[in-house]
Amino acid sequence: MRAEARIDLDAIRDNIAAIRARVGSAAVMSVVKSNAYGHGMVPSARAARAGGATWLGTAVVEEALALRAAGDTGRLLTWLWAPGDAFEDAVRADVDISVSGAWALREVVAAARAAERPARVHLKADTGLGRNGCTPADWPALVDAALKAQADGTVEVVGLWSHFACADEPGHPSVPAQLGEFVAMLAHAEGRGVTPEVRHMANSPATLLLPDTHFDLVRVGLAGYGLSPVPEVGGPADFGLRPAMTLAANLAGVKRVPAGHGVSYGHAWIAPAETNLALIPTGYADGIPRHASNVGPVLVAGRRRTIVGRVAMDQFVVDLGDDEASAGDEAILFGPGDRGEPTAEDWAAAIGTISYEIVTRIGARVPRIHTGTGAS
């Protein structure tokens, strides 16, 4: 093993089950976009289904079609569309399609006619995030156009939804403002005759902290993989979650160097005294942030160490001091923290980012080793 990401599918299953237990009558969507936040999309999706997720969510249609090709037949929503995307393939595969504007509705209608079956659509409201979604000003026209398409038999309006901007910041004034806007936009759509199967707004932080946002369905991404979306409120264990990914590597070498010896490009670190250096064969090509240079934490030889020098494309160095280790010994970059290893949140804190980025960026040449919940 040079490096591997070990994925505990039982943890994903149990995380979804724990979330399912806290949301009452709301259904749970497991968001498996971006290779399930780096955890491996198809195995993670199956584990989430085993934990009680009755919906899956993906950003792009290629992800949704890959799930269908792998045998998933449950409810599945895809929301990030561009003109010319594979709308017809999605309709044929019974993938629910998010519609944020008139252009998308036109493409969905054309796809449904070509596929000779109605498309299942979720109308997305921009309640203040300012990304995808229909603005309140344009909402009446979109609702009316969708209802006309439904009357014509080309679409079924099965969902109404929105997304929070700041649900991970408890007390942020945008949260009640967005919720109020969503309720108003729901009322308008339902008053015009829309009878959705699901109304949904809650992401992971809202699912954990804001029960009045749960509606009929919650969408959980990060929390399903056992990481806290609100670390300032509580860690994974505080919400009954367990991190599913452990990133490990074998040392590629250990050597003794004298005081004054420089390390890696630019000599951003110079040994202040004679010391042992361990080489870890992963770098920014594998998703190790270059910003982790001189700050990233790693467990080696039973103790937490710190990266010294710059993270290179394929490798980085940690300082062992007078402790000893050998080539082939295991280094744990992050994991659940059970053995004293850093967590993804520790990495995020060290480099000034979020744990979402830490796990999602792990590159394709790092194999995913799946265990539990039917992993072969």
Protein backbone atom coordinates (compact mmCIF):
# COMPACT_ATOMS: atom_id res chain seq x y z
CA MET A 1 0.00 0.00 0.00
CA ARG A 2 1.24 3.43 -0.94
CA ALA A 3 -1.90 5.12 0.31
CA GLU A 4 -5.56 4.22 0.67
CA ALA A 5 -8.83 5.67 1.85
CA ARG A 6 -10.62 3.16 4.05
CA ILE A 7 -14.38 3.63 3.97
CA ASP A 8 -16.49 2.15 6.74
CA LEU A 9 -19.82 1.54 5.02
CA ASP A 10 -21.39 0.46 8.29
CA ALA A 11 -20.66 3.95 9.61
CA ILE A 12 -22.49 5.48 6.64
CA ARG A 13 -25.42 3.14 7.17
CA ASP A 14 -25.55 3.94 10.88
CA ASN A 15 -25.18 7.69 10.31
CA ILE A 16 -28.19 7.69 8.00
CA ALA A 17 -30.14 5.59 10.49
CA ALA A 18 -29.28 8.05 13.28
CA ILE A 19 -30.42 10.96 11.13
CA ARG A 20 -33.57 9.09 10.16
CA ALA A 21 -34.38 8.64 13.84
CA ARG A 22 -34.18 12.38 14.56
CA VAL A 23 -36.30 13.75 11.71
CA GLY A 24 -39.66 12.25 12.59
CA SER A 25 -41.93 11.70 9.61
CA ALA A 26 -39.58 13.36 7.12
CA ALA A 27 -37.88 11.14 4.58
CA VAL A 28 -34.09 11.20 4.18
CA MET A 29 -32.15 11.93 1.01
CA SER A 30 -28.50 10.91 1.03
CA VAL A 31 -26.50 13.27 -1.18
CA VAL A 32 -23.89 11.22 -3.04
CA LYS A 33 -22.54 13.84 -5.43
CA SER A 34 -18.80 14.18 -6.10
CA ASN A 35 -18.16 10.46 -5.63
CA ALA A 36 -20.13 10.55 -2.36
CA TYR A 37 -17.95 13.33 -0.98
CA GLY A 38 -14.92 11.25 -1.89
CA HIS A 39 -16.18 8.04 -0.26
CA GLY A 40 -17.13 6.11 -3.41
CA MET A 41 -20.56 6.80 -4.87
CA VAL A 42 -22.10 3.39 -5.54
CA PRO A 43 -21.03 1.60 -2.32
CA SER A 44 -21.92 4.66 -0.25
CA ALA A 45 -25.32 4.93 -1.91
CA ARG A 46 -26.06 1.30 -1.11
CA ALA A 47 -25.01 1.81 2.51
CA ALA A 48 -27.22 4.89 2.75
CA ARG A 49 -30.16 2.95 1.34
CA ALA A 50 -29.49 0.26 3.97
CA GLY A 51 -29.65 2.96 6.64
CA GLY A 52 -33.06 4.14 5.53
CA ALA A 53 -32.42 6.76 2.84
CA THR A 54 -35.42 6.57 0.52
CA TRP A 55 -33.93 9.22 -1.76
CA LEU A 56 -30.50 9.83 -3.28
CA GLY A 57 -29.28 13.18 -4.58
CA THR A 58 -26.62 14.03 -7.14
CA ALA A 59 -25.41 17.29 -8.58
CA VAL A 60 -25.03 16.24 -12.21
CA VAL A 61 -26.89 13.85 -14.46
CA GLU A 62 -23.86 11.65 -15.15
CA GLU A 63 -23.78 10.72 -11.47
CA ALA A 64 -27.47 9.84 -11.49
CA LEU A 65 -27.17 7.70 -14.61
CA ALA A 66 -24.19 5.87 -13.09
CA LEU A 67 -26.34 5.00 -10.08
CA ARG A 68 -29.06 3.66 -12.35
CA ALA A 69 -26.47 1.64 -14.29
CA ALA A 70 -25.29 0.17 -10.99
CA GLY A 71 -28.80 -1.05 -10.24
CA ASP A 72 -30.29 1.62 -8.01
CA THR A 73 -34.03 1.89 -8.69
CA GLY A 74 -35.18 4.19 -5.86
CA ARG A 75 -36.09 7.84 -5.94
CA LEU A 76 -33.23 9.96 -7.23
CA LEU A 77 -32.94 13.73 -7.76
CA THR A 78 -30.38 15.62 -9.85
CA TRP A 79 -30.24 19.42 -9.66
CA LEU A 80 -27.35 21.05 -11.52
CA TRP A 81 -28.28 21.32 -15.18
CA ALA A 82 -26.97 23.26 -18.16
CA PRO A 83 -28.51 23.69 -21.59
CA GLY A 84 -27.92 20.61 -23.73
CA ASP A 85 -27.49 18.21 -20.80
CA ALA A 86 -28.85 14.67 -21.03
CA PHE A 87 -32.42 15.53 -20.05
CA GLU A 88 -33.90 12.77 -22.20
CA ASP A 89 -31.61 10.14 -20.68
CA ALA A 90 -32.68 11.30 -17.22
CA VAL A 91 -36.37 11.06 -18.09
CA ARG A 92 -35.93 7.57 -19.53
CA ALA A 93 -34.04 6.52 -16.39
CA ASP A 94 -36.79 7.86 -14.07
CA VAL A 95 -34.46 10.47 -12.57
CA ASP A 96 -36.21 13.43 -10.92
CA ILE A 97 -35.09 16.73 -12.46
CA SER A 98 -34.76 20.07 -10.71
CA VAL A 99 -36.08 23.02 -12.69
CA SER A 100 -35.00 26.56 -11.80
CA GLY A 101 -36.17 28.53 -14.82
CA ALA A 102 -38.10 28.63 -18.05
CA TRP A 103 -35.23 27.39 -20.23
CA ALA A 104 -34.87 24.22 -18.16
CA LEU A 105 -38.60 23.55 -18.23
CA ARG A 106 -38.56 23.83 -22.04
CA GLU A 107 -35.74 21.28 -22.25
CA VAL A 108 -37.53 18.94 -19.86
CA VAL A 109 -40.75 19.14 -21.87
CA ALA A 110 -38.86 18.35 -25.09
CA ALA A 111 -37.10 15.44 -23.40
CA ALA A 112 -40.37 14.06 -22.06
CA ARG A 113 -41.94 14.18 -25.51
CA ALA A 114 -38.94 12.39 -27.02
CA ALA A 115 -38.97 9.76 -24.27
CA GLU A 116 -42.76 9.42 -24.53
CA ARG A 117 -43.19 9.58 -20.78
CA PRO A 118 -43.74 12.43 -18.30
CA ALA A 119 -40.75 13.91 -16.50
CA ARG A 120 -40.75 14.17 -12.72
CA VAL A 121 -39.68 17.70 -11.80
CA HIS A 122 -38.90 19.62 -8.62
CA LEU A 123 -39.29 23.39 -8.91
CA LYS A 124 -36.44 25.09 -7.07
CA ALA A 125 -36.96 28.42 -5.36
CA ASP A 126 -34.13 30.89 -4.83
CA THR A 127 -35.05 32.12 -1.36
CA GLY A 128 -31.78 33.96 -0.82
CA LEU A 129 -28.83 31.72 -1.66
CA GLY A 130 -28.37 33.48 -4.98
CA ARG A 131 -27.20 30.45 -6.94
CA ASN A 132 -29.54 28.07 -8.73
CA GLY A 133 -33.27 28.51 -8.25
CA CYS A 134 -36.10 30.72 -9.41
CA THR A 135 -36.40 34.17 -7.85
CA PRO A 136 -39.63 35.19 -6.13
CA ALA A 137 -40.32 37.64 -8.96
CA ASP A 138 -40.15 34.88 -11.60
CA TRP A 139 -41.79 32.18 -9.49
CA PRO A 140 -45.43 32.77 -10.55
CA ALA A 141 -44.56 32.44 -14.24
CA LEU A 142 -42.52 29.27 -13.66
CA VAL A 143 -45.28 27.69 -11.57
CA ASP A 144 -47.90 28.46 -14.20
CA ALA A 145 -45.71 27.11 -17.01
CA ALA A 146 -45.04 23.92 -15.06
CA LEU A 147 -48.74 23.44 -14.35
CA LYS A 148 -49.52 23.89 -18.06
CA ALA A 149 -46.89 21.27 -18.92
CA GLN A 150 -48.42 19.00 -16.31
CA ALA A 151 -51.86 19.47 -17.83
CA ASP A 152 -50.36 18.62 -21.22
CA GLY A 153 -48.97 15.37 -19.75
CA THR A 154 -45.28 16.12 -20.23
CA VAL A 155 -44.29 16.73 -16.59
CA GLU A 156 -45.36 15.83 -13.10
CA VAL A 157 -44.53 18.50 -10.51
CA VAL A 158 -43.52 16.23 -7.64
CA GLY A 159 -41.30 18.53 -5.58
CA LEU A 160 -40.86 22.10 -4.38
CA TRP A 161 -37.55 22.98 -2.79
CA SER A 162 -34.89 25.48 -1.82
CA HIS A 163 -31.46 25.60 -0.18
CA PHE A 164 -30.04 27.54 2.77
CA ALA A 165 -27.07 29.88 2.54
CA CYS A 166 -26.11 30.04 6.23
CA ALA A 167 -27.76 27.17 8.10
CA ASP A 168 -24.29 26.26 9.40
CA GLU A 169 -24.14 29.61 11.22
CA PRO A 170 -26.60 29.35 14.14
CA GLY A 171 -28.52 32.56 14.63
CA HIS A 172 -27.75 33.98 11.21
CA PRO A 173 -30.62 36.31 10.20
CA SER A 174 -30.77 34.88 6.68
CA VAL A 175 -32.07 31.55 8.01
CA PRO A 176 -35.52 32.70 9.18
CA ALA A 177 -35.70 35.09 6.23
CA GLN A 178 -35.14 32.26 3.75
CA LEU A 179 -37.53 29.97 5.57
CA GLY A 180 -40.23 32.61 5.49
CA GLU A 181 -39.68 33.20 1.78
CA PHE A 182 -39.88 29.47 1.09
CA VAL A 183 -43.15 29.16 2.99
CA ALA A 184 -44.57 32.03 0.96
CA MET A 185 -43.43 30.51 -2.34
CA LEU A 186 -44.86 27.15 -1.30
CA ALA A 187 -48.18 28.79 -0.52
CA HIS A 188 -48.27 30.44 -3.93
CA ALA A 189 -47.49 27.19 -5.79
CA GLU A 190 -49.96 25.14 -3.80
CA GLY A 191 -52.57 27.86 -4.15
CA ARG A 192 -52.18 27.61 -7.92
CA GLY A 193 -52.77 23.85 -7.77
CA VAL A 194 -49.36 22.22 -7.27
CA THR A 195 -49.66 19.14 -5.03
CA PRO A 196 -46.06 18.06 -4.42
CA GLU A 197 -45.02 14.68 -3.10
CA VAL A 198 -42.18 16.37 -1.21
CA ARG A 199 -41.26 19.84 -0.01
CA HIS A 200 -37.63 20.08 1.06
CA MET A 201 -35.16 22.69 2.25
CA ALA A 202 -33.00 21.25 5.03
CA ASN A 203 -29.36 20.44 4.32
CA SER A 204 -27.11 18.71 6.88
CA PRO A 205 -26.83 21.62 9.36
CA ALA A 206 -30.54 22.41 9.15
CA THR A 207 -31.34 18.73 9.58
CA LEU A 208 -29.33 18.61 12.80
CA LEU A 209 -30.25 22.00 14.26
CA LEU A 210 -33.52 23.29 12.76
CA PRO A 211 -36.41 20.83 13.02
CA ASP A 212 -38.92 23.38 11.70
CA THR A 213 -37.15 23.20 8.32
CA HIS A 214 -37.59 19.46 7.81
CA PHE A 215 -40.88 19.55 5.86
CA ASP A 216 -41.34 16.23 3.99
CA LEU A 217 -37.70 15.44 3.19
CA VAL A 218 -34.23 16.34 4.46
CA ARG A 219 -31.11 16.29 2.30
CA VAL A 220 -27.99 15.16 4.13
CA GLY A 221 -24.54 15.21 2.61
CA LEU A 222 -21.64 15.67 5.01
CA ALA A 223 -23.52 14.35 8.04
CA GLY A 224 -24.16 11.06 6.28
CA TYR A 225 -20.41 10.51 6.10
CA GLY A 226 -20.08 11.13 9.82
CA LEU A 227 -18.66 14.65 9.85
CA SER A 228 -20.21 17.58 11.66
CA PRO A 229 -21.39 20.44 9.44
CA VAL A 230 -21.44 22.68 12.53
CA PRO A 231 -18.19 21.94 14.39
CA GLU A 232 -18.57 25.04 16.52
CA VAL A 233 -21.80 23.52 17.90
CA GLY A 234 -20.69 19.92 18.26
CA GLY A 235 -18.52 17.17 16.85
CA PRO A 236 -19.76 14.00 15.15
CA ALA A 237 -20.33 12.10 18.40
CA ASP A 238 -22.55 14.90 19.71
CA PHE A 239 -24.97 14.12 16.89
CA GLY A 240 -24.61 10.34 17.01
CA LEU A 241 -22.37 10.25 13.95
CA ARG A 242 -19.11 8.49 13.15
CA PRO A 243 -16.61 9.54 10.44
CA ALA A 244 -16.52 6.92 7.71
CA MET A 245 -13.19 7.71 6.02
CA THR A 246 -9.69 6.94 7.24
CA LEU A 247 -6.83 8.12 5.03
CA ALA A 248 -3.60 6.17 5.56
CA ALA A 249 -0.25 5.70 3.82
CA ASN A 250 2.91 3.72 4.30
CA LEU A 251 6.14 5.57 4.95
CA ALA A 252 8.34 5.66 1.86
CA GLY A 253 11.48 6.24 3.90
CA VAL A 254 12.97 7.51 7.16
CA LYS A 255 16.34 9.21 7.50
CA ARG A 256 18.44 11.10 10.02
CA VAL A 257 19.46 14.61 8.97
CA PRO A 258 21.70 17.18 10.65
CA ALA A 259 20.71 20.60 11.94
CA GLY A 260 20.34 23.09 9.10
CA HIS A 261 19.06 20.50 6.61
CA GLY A 262 16.35 21.97 4.36
CA VAL A 263 13.16 20.12 3.48
CA SER A 264 11.21 20.17 0.21
CA TYR A 265 10.84 22.96 -2.34
CA GLY A 266 11.96 26.41 -1.34
CA HIS A 267 13.34 25.13 1.99
CA ALA A 268 10.22 26.46 3.74
CA TRP A 269 11.39 24.44 6.74
CA ILE A 270 14.96 23.90 7.93
CA ALA A 271 15.77 21.42 10.68
CA PRO A 272 16.64 23.39 13.85
CA ALA A 273 18.47 20.35 15.24
CA GLU A 274 19.47 16.86 14.21
CA THR A 275 16.26 14.93 13.60
CA ASN A 276 14.54 12.00 11.91
CA LEU A 277 12.41 12.77 8.86
CA ALA A 278 9.71 10.47 7.51
CA LEU A 279 8.57 10.60 3.88
CA ILE A 280 4.86 10.05 3.15
CA PRO A 281 4.11 9.23 -0.51
CA THR A 282 1.02 11.36 -1.06
CA GLY A 283 0.79 14.93 -2.23
CA TYR A 284 -1.45 17.51 -3.77
CA ALA A 285 -2.07 15.25 -6.78
CA ASP A 286 -3.78 12.95 -4.28
CA GLY A 287 -5.76 15.77 -2.70
CA ILE A 288 -3.41 16.67 0.14
CA PRO A 289 -3.79 20.45 0.39
CA ARG A 290 -0.63 22.40 -0.41
CA HIS A 291 -1.84 24.80 2.28
CA ALA A 292 -1.05 22.02 4.76
CA SER A 293 2.65 22.79 4.34
CA ASN A 294 4.20 23.20 7.82
CA VAL A 295 0.82 22.79 9.56
CA GLY A 296 -0.90 19.54 8.53
CA PRO A 297 -1.27 16.93 11.32
CA VAL A 298 -0.36 13.24 10.83
CA LEU A 299 -0.16 10.27 13.21
CA VAL A 300 3.18 8.48 12.86
CA ALA A 301 4.86 6.10 15.31
CA GLY A 302 2.10 6.53 17.86
CA ARG A 303 2.21 10.33 18.04
CA ARG A 304 0.78 13.27 16.16
CA ARG A 305 3.35 14.96 13.98
CA THR A 306 3.28 18.04 11.80
CA ILE A 307 4.13 18.29 8.12
CA VAL A 308 7.43 20.09 7.61
CA GLY A 309 8.28 21.85 4.39
CA ARG A 310 6.04 22.22 1.40
CA VAL A 311 3.58 19.56 0.32
CA ALA A 312 4.71 18.46 -3.14
CA MET A 313 2.71 16.84 -5.91
CA ASP A 314 3.33 13.29 -4.74
CA GLN A 315 4.89 13.45 -1.29
CA PHE A 316 5.47 15.32 1.93
CA VAL A 317 7.66 15.04 5.03
CA VAL A 318 6.98 14.91 8.75
CA ASP A 319 9.46 15.52 11.55
CA LEU A 320 9.84 12.64 14.02
CA GLY A 321 12.43 14.27 16.25
CA ASP A 322 14.33 11.47 17.96
CA ASP A 323 11.52 8.95 17.58
CA GLU A 324 12.15 6.05 15.26
CA ALA A 325 10.14 4.58 12.42
CA SER A 326 10.84 2.50 9.34
CA ALA A 327 9.87 2.45 5.69
CA GLY A 328 6.56 0.63 5.39
CA ASP A 329 5.22 1.79 8.76
CA GLU A 330 1.71 3.20 8.65
CA ALA A 331 0.91 6.88 8.84
CA ILE A 332 -2.68 7.96 9.42
CA LEU A 333 -3.51 11.35 8.00
CA PHE A 334 -7.03 11.45 9.36
CA GLY A 335 -9.79 9.19 10.61
CA PRO A 336 -12.43 8.99 13.34
CA GLY A 337 -9.86 9.93 16.01
CA ASP A 338 -10.19 6.69 17.99
CA ARG A 339 -6.45 6.05 18.01
CA GLY A 340 -5.39 9.61 18.56
CA GLU A 341 -5.15 10.30 14.84
CA PRO A 342 -6.21 13.67 13.46
CA THR A 343 -9.71 14.04 12.09
CA ALA A 344 -10.80 15.68 8.87
CA GLU A 345 -11.97 18.60 11.00
CA ASP A 346 -8.46 18.88 12.50
CA TRP A 347 -7.11 19.19 8.98
CA ALA A 348 -9.76 21.75 8.08
CA ALA A 349 -8.92 23.82 11.16
CA ALA A 350 -5.19 23.63 10.42
CA ILE A 351 -5.49 25.04 6.91
CA GLY A 352 -8.53 27.29 7.27
CA THR A 353 -11.12 25.36 5.28
CA ILE A 354 -14.04 22.99 5.93
CA SER A 355 -14.05 19.24 6.38
CA TYR A 356 -16.21 18.89 3.23
CA GLU A 357 -13.20 19.91 1.17
CA ILE A 358 -10.77 17.64 3.00
CA VAL A 359 -12.62 14.40 2.23
CA THR A 360 -14.02 15.36 -1.18
CA ARG A 361 -10.67 16.34 -2.66
CA ILE A 362 -8.95 12.97 -2.10
CA GLY A 363 -7.86 12.02 -5.61
CA ALA A 364 -8.70 9.15 -7.89
CA ARG A 365 -5.31 7.45 -7.60
CA VAL A 366 -5.94 6.83 -3.90
CA PRO A 367 -7.91 3.56 -3.85
CA ARG A 368 -11.07 3.36 -1.78
CA ILE A 369 -11.19 0.23 0.36
CA HIS A 370 -14.78 -0.42 1.42
CA THR A 371 -15.70 -2.56 4.40
CA GLY A 372 -19.05 -3.58 5.87
CA THR A 373 -22.62 -3.45 4.53
CA GLY A 374 -22.08 -5.93 1.75
CA ALA A 375 -18.70 -4.67 0.55
CA SER A 376 -16.90 -7.33 -1.45
